[in-house]
Structure formats: C-alpha cells, structure tokens
Amino acid sequence: MHIPVATLRAHYTGGDVDAGLAELEAPAQAMIDDLLWWTAALQTARASGT
C-alpha cells in the first residue's frame, strides 16, 4: 500500500492527515478483501490436501 509522501510528512509534522488517509480507505479495503479471499482459498486448499 503506497502512502503519499505528503500524508507521511503531515503525520510527522503534526499536520492534518485526515484527507490523505480518507483517500487510502478504498484501496486499503480492496487489499484487505483480497487478503481475506486468499486466506480462505489457501485454508481450503490445505484442508483438501492439494
């Protein structure tokens, strides 16, 4: 997950990071959904022995 430099700079300097983090919400949710899918798929594959 790429976090824009401006958001990181704002975080380290005590600035407002809410706007930058709001932009990351949709991509972060997509990444979490993908990880959950892979977790379930791999768990099923391991249980079936393939």
PDB file of N, CA and C in Angstrom:
ATOM      1  N   MET A   1       0.848  -1.164   0.000  1.00  0.00           N
ATOM      2  CA  MET A   1       0.000   0.000   0.000  1.00  0.00           C
ATOM      3  C   MET A   1       0.891   1.223   0.000  1.00  0.00           C
ATOM      4  N   HIS A   2       0.739   2.039  -1.005  1.00  0.00           N
ATOM      5  CA  HIS A   2       1.519   3.270  -1.118  1.00  0.00           C
ATOM      6  C   HIS A   2       0.843   4.381  -0.309  1.00  0.00           C
ATOM      7  N   ILE A   3       1.596   4.984   0.577  1.00  0.00           N
ATOM      8  CA  ILE A   3       1.104   6.134   1.335  1.00  0.00           C
ATOM      9  C   ILE A   3       1.833   7.357   0.787  1.00  0.00           C
ATOM     10  N   PRO A   4       1.091   8.334   0.264  1.00  0.00           N
ATOM     11  CA  PRO A   4       1.728   9.510  -0.336  1.00  0.00           C
ATOM     12  C   PRO A   4       2.657  10.237   0.645  1.00  0.00           C
ATOM     13  N   VAL A   5       3.739  10.764   0.099  1.00  0.00           N
ATOM     14  CA  VAL A   5       4.735  11.468   0.909  1.00  0.00           C
ATOM     15  C   VAL A   5       4.093  12.633   1.668  1.00  0.00           C
ATOM     16  N   ALA A   6       3.171  13.331   1.033  1.00  0.00           N
ATOM     17  CA  ALA A   6       2.520  14.472   1.696  1.00  0.00           C
ATOM     18  C   ALA A   6       1.782  14.027   2.962  1.00  0.00           C
ATOM     19  N   THR A   7       1.165  12.861   2.918  1.00  0.00           N
ATOM     20  CA  THR A   7       0.454  12.353   4.093  1.00  0.00           C
ATOM     21  C   THR A   7       1.440  11.977   5.189  1.00  0.00           C
ATOM     22  N   LEU A   8       2.535  11.332   4.808  1.00  0.00           N
ATOM     23  CA  LEU A   8       3.564  10.983   5.799  1.00  0.00           C
ATOM     24  C   LEU A   8       4.178  12.231   6.419  1.00  0.00           C
ATOM     25  N   ARG A   9       4.467  13.219   5.584  1.00  0.00           N
ATOM     26  CA  ARG A   9       5.045  14.463   6.090  1.00  0.00           C
ATOM     27  C   ARG A   9       4.083  15.138   7.066  1.00  0.00           C
ATOM     28  N   ALA A  10       2.811  15.163   6.701  1.00  0.00           N
ATOM     29  CA  ALA A  10       1.813  15.769   7.584  1.00  0.00           C
ATOM     30  C   ALA A  10       1.764  15.035   8.921  1.00  0.00           C
ATOM     31  N   HIS A  11       1.873  13.724   8.870  1.00  0.00           N
ATOM     32  CA  HIS A  11       1.850  12.929  10.107  1.00  0.00           C
ATOM     33  C   HIS A  11       3.040  13.284  11.005  1.00  0.00           C
ATOM     34  N   TYR A  12       4.231  13.317  10.417  1.00  0.00           N
ATOM     35  CA  TYR A  12       5.446  13.562  11.206  1.00  0.00           C
ATOM     36  C   TYR A  12       5.569  15.001  11.693  1.00  0.00           C
ATOM     37  N   THR A  13       4.896  15.929  11.024  1.00  0.00           N
ATOM     38  CA  THR A  13       4.977  17.326  11.449  1.00  0.00           C
ATOM     39  C   THR A  13       3.762  17.758  12.261  1.00  0.00           C
ATOM     40  N   GLY A  14       2.874  16.811  12.560  1.00  0.00           N
ATOM     41  CA  GLY A  14       1.704  17.126  13.364  1.00  0.00           C
ATOM     42  C   GLY A  14       0.591  17.797  12.580  1.00  0.00           C
ATOM     43  N   GLY A  15       0.628  17.678  11.268  1.00  0.00           N
ATOM     44  CA  GLY A  15      -0.395  18.293  10.418  1.00  0.00           C
ATOM     45  C   GLY A  15      -1.635  17.430  10.308  1.00  0.00           C
ATOM     46  N   ASP A  16      -2.532  17.863   9.454  1.00  0.00           N
ATOM     47  CA  ASP A  16      -3.808  17.172   9.235  1.00  0.00           C
ATOM     48  C   ASP A  16      -3.605  16.024   8.249  1.00  0.00           C
ATOM     49  N   VAL A  17      -3.842  14.808   8.691  1.00  0.00           N
ATOM     50  CA  VAL A  17      -3.686  13.639   7.826  1.00  0.00           C
ATOM     51  C   VAL A  17      -5.024  13.033   7.415  1.00  0.00           C
ATOM     52  N   ASP A  18      -6.119  13.589   7.891  1.00  0.00           N
ATOM     53  CA  ASP A  18      -7.432  13.007   7.626  1.00  0.00           C
ATOM     54  C   ASP A  18      -7.738  12.895   6.137  1.00  0.00           C
ATOM     55  N   ALA A  19      -7.455  13.931   5.365  1.00  0.00           N
ATOM     56  CA  ALA A  19      -7.749  13.890   3.928  1.00  0.00           C
ATOM     57  C   ALA A  19      -6.910  12.827   3.232  1.00  0.00           C
ATOM     58  N   GLY A  20      -5.634  12.759   3.579  1.00  0.00           N
ATOM     59  CA  GLY A  20      -4.758  11.757   2.975  1.00  0.00           C
ATOM     60  C   GLY A  20      -5.165  10.343   3.326  1.00  0.00           C
ATOM     61  N   LEU A  21      -5.565  10.134   4.563  1.00  0.00           N
ATOM     62  CA  LEU A  21      -5.993   8.804   4.977  1.00  0.00           C
ATOM     63  C   LEU A  21      -7.330   8.428   4.360  1.00  0.00           C
ATOM     64  N   ALA A  22      -8.208   9.402   4.166  1.00  0.00           N
ATOM     65  CA  ALA A  22      -9.506   9.127   3.542  1.00  0.00           C
ATOM     66  C   ALA A  22      -9.317   8.612   2.124  1.00  0.00           C
ATOM     67  N   GLU A  23      -8.297   9.131   1.419  1.00  0.00           N
ATOM     68  CA  GLU A  23      -8.021   8.673   0.062  1.00  0.00           C
ATOM     69  C   GLU A  23      -7.535   7.224   0.041  1.00  0.00           C
ATOM     70  N   LEU A  24      -6.975   6.759   1.131  1.00  0.00           N
ATOM     71  CA  LEU A  24      -6.449   5.396   1.207  1.00  0.00           C
ATOM     72  C   LEU A  24      -7.497   4.366   1.623  1.00  0.00           C
ATOM     73  N   GLU A  25      -8.655   4.825   2.055  1.00  0.00           N
ATOM     74  CA  GLU A  25      -9.646   3.906   2.597  1.00  0.00           C
ATOM     75  C   GLU A  25     -10.103   2.861   1.579  1.00  0.00           C
ATOM     76  N   ALA A  26     -10.458   3.272   0.372  1.00  0.00           N
ATOM     77  CA  ALA A  26     -10.935   2.325  -0.645  1.00  0.00           C
ATOM     78  C   ALA A  26      -9.834   1.349  -1.076  1.00  0.00           C
ATOM     79  N   PRO A  27      -8.618   1.820  -1.402  1.00  0.00           N
ATOM     80  CA  PRO A  27      -7.575   0.856  -1.767  1.00  0.00           C
ATOM     81  C   PRO A  27      -7.200  -0.083  -0.619  1.00  0.00           C
ATOM     82  N   ALA A  28      -7.210   0.428   0.599  1.00  0.00           N
ATOM     83  CA  ALA A  28      -6.893  -0.423   1.747  1.00  0.00           C
ATOM     84  C   ALA A  28      -7.960  -1.490   1.931  1.00  0.00           C
ATOM     85  N   GLN A  29      -9.218  -1.132   1.753  1.00  0.00           N
ATOM     86  CA  GLN A  29     -10.294  -2.109   1.887  1.00  0.00           C
ATOM     87  C   GLN A  29     -10.194  -3.170   0.803  1.00  0.00           C
ATOM     88  N   ALA A  30      -9.840  -2.773  -0.419  1.00  0.00           N
ATOM     89  CA  ALA A  30      -9.670  -3.733  -1.507  1.00  0.00           C
ATOM     90  C   ALA A  30      -8.531  -4.700  -1.187  1.00  0.00           C
ATOM     91  N   MET A  31      -7.436  -4.185  -0.627  1.00  0.00           N
ATOM     92  CA  MET A  31      -6.316  -5.035  -0.270  1.00  0.00           C
ATOM     93  C   MET A  31      -6.703  -6.019   0.837  1.00  0.00           C
ATOM     94  N   ILE A  32      -7.438  -5.550   1.826  1.00  0.00           N
ATOM     95  CA  ILE A  32      -7.887  -6.421   2.912  1.00  0.00           C
ATOM     96  C   ILE A  32      -8.830  -7.494   2.378  1.00  0.00           C
ATOM     97  N   ASP A  33      -9.740  -7.110   1.488  1.00  0.00           N
ATOM     98  CA  ASP A  33     -10.654  -8.088   0.885  1.00  0.00           C
ATOM     99  C   ASP A  33      -9.880  -9.160   0.124  1.00  0.00           C
ATOM    100  N   ASP A  34      -8.855  -8.759  -0.631  1.00  0.00           N
ATOM    101  CA  ASP A  34      -8.022  -9.721  -1.356  1.00  0.00           C
ATOM    102  C   ASP A  34      -7.293 -10.655  -0.396  1.00  0.00           C
ATOM    103  N   LEU A  35      -6.741 -10.105   0.674  1.00  0.00           N
ATOM    104  CA  LEU A  35      -6.043 -10.941   1.649  1.00  0.00           C
ATOM    105  C   LEU A  35      -6.987 -11.943   2.311  1.00  0.00           C
ATOM    106  N   LEU A  36      -8.195 -11.507   2.611  1.00  0.00           N
ATOM    107  CA  LEU A  36      -9.171 -12.426   3.199  1.00  0.00           C
ATOM    108  C   LEU A  36      -9.563 -13.525   2.219  1.00  0.00           C
ATOM    109  N   TRP A  37      -9.692 -13.172   0.936  1.00  0.00           N
ATOM    110  CA  TRP A  37     -10.024 -14.173  -0.086  1.00  0.00           C
ATOM    111  C   TRP A  37      -8.910 -15.213  -0.169  1.00  0.00           C
ATOM    112  N   TRP A  38      -7.662 -14.735  -0.241  1.00  0.00           N
ATOM    113  CA  TRP A  38      -6.532 -15.659  -0.321  1.00  0.00           C
ATOM    114  C   TRP A  38      -6.420 -16.518   0.935  1.00  0.00           C
ATOM    115  N   THR A  39      -6.705 -15.956   2.085  1.00  0.00           N
ATOM    116  CA  THR A  39      -6.669 -16.721   3.331  1.00  0.00           C
ATOM    117  C   THR A  39      -7.654 -17.878   3.273  1.00  0.00           C
ATOM    118  N   ALA A  40      -8.874 -17.597   2.846  1.00  0.00           N
ATOM    119  CA  ALA A  40      -9.897 -18.643   2.750  1.00  0.00           C
ATOM    120  C   ALA A  40      -9.529 -19.668   1.681  1.00  0.00           C
ATOM    121  N   ALA A  41      -9.036 -19.208   0.529  1.00  0.00           N
ATOM    122  CA  ALA A  41      -8.679 -20.130  -0.552  1.00  0.00           C
ATOM    123  C   ALA A  41      -7.544 -21.057  -0.131  1.00  0.00           C
ATOM    124  N   LEU A  42      -6.529 -20.510   0.507  1.00  0.00           N
ATOM    125  CA  LEU A  42      -5.404 -21.335   0.940  1.00  0.00           C
ATOM    126  C   LEU A  42      -5.790 -22.281   2.072  1.00  0.00           C
ATOM    127  N   GLN A  43      -6.654 -21.832   2.943  1.00  0.00           N
ATOM    128  CA  GLN A  43      -7.122 -22.695   4.026  1.00  0.00           C
ATOM    129  C   GLN A  43      -7.885 -23.884   3.458  1.00  0.00           C
ATOM    130  N   THR A  44      -8.726 -23.638   2.464  1.00  0.00           N
ATOM    131  CA  THR A  44      -9.484 -24.708   1.812  1.00  0.00           C
ATOM    132  C   THR A  44      -8.543 -25.667   1.081  1.00  0.00           C
ATOM    133  N   ALA A  45      -7.564 -25.115   0.374  1.00  0.00           N
ATOM    134  CA  ALA A  45      -6.600 -25.953  -0.361  1.00  0.00           C
ATOM    135  C   ALA A  45      -5.787 -26.830   0.595  1.00  0.00           C
ATOM    136  N   ARG A  46      -5.360 -26.261   1.702  1.00  0.00           N
ATOM    137  CA  ARG A  46      -4.586 -27.052   2.670  1.00  0.00           C
ATOM    138  C   ARG A  46      -5.432 -28.152   3.294  1.00  0.00           C
ATOM    139  N   ALA A  47      -6.693 -27.855   3.555  1.00  0.00           N
ATOM    140  CA  ALA A  47      -7.572 -28.838   4.168  1.00  0.00           C
ATOM    141  C   ALA A  47      -7.859 -29.997   3.218  1.00  0.00           C
ATOM    142  N   SER A  48      -7.888 -29.704   1.917  1.00  0.00           N
ATOM    143  CA  SER A  48      -8.187 -30.773   0.943  1.00  0.00           C
ATOM    144  C   SER A  48      -6.930 -31.494   0.502  1.00  0.00           C
ATOM    145  N   GLY A  49      -5.764 -30.976   0.886  1.00  0.00           N
ATOM    146  CA  GLY A  49      -4.510 -31.649   0.554  1.00  0.00           C
ATOM    147  C   GLY A  49      -3.992 -31.379  -0.839  1.00  0.00           C
ATOM    148  N   THR A  50      -4.490 -30.325  -1.518  1.00  0.00           N
ATOM    149  CA  THR A  50      -3.986 -30.023  -2.856  1.00  0.00           C
ATOM    150  C   THR A  50      -3.000 -28.900  -2.828  1.00  0.00           C
TER     151      THR A  50
END
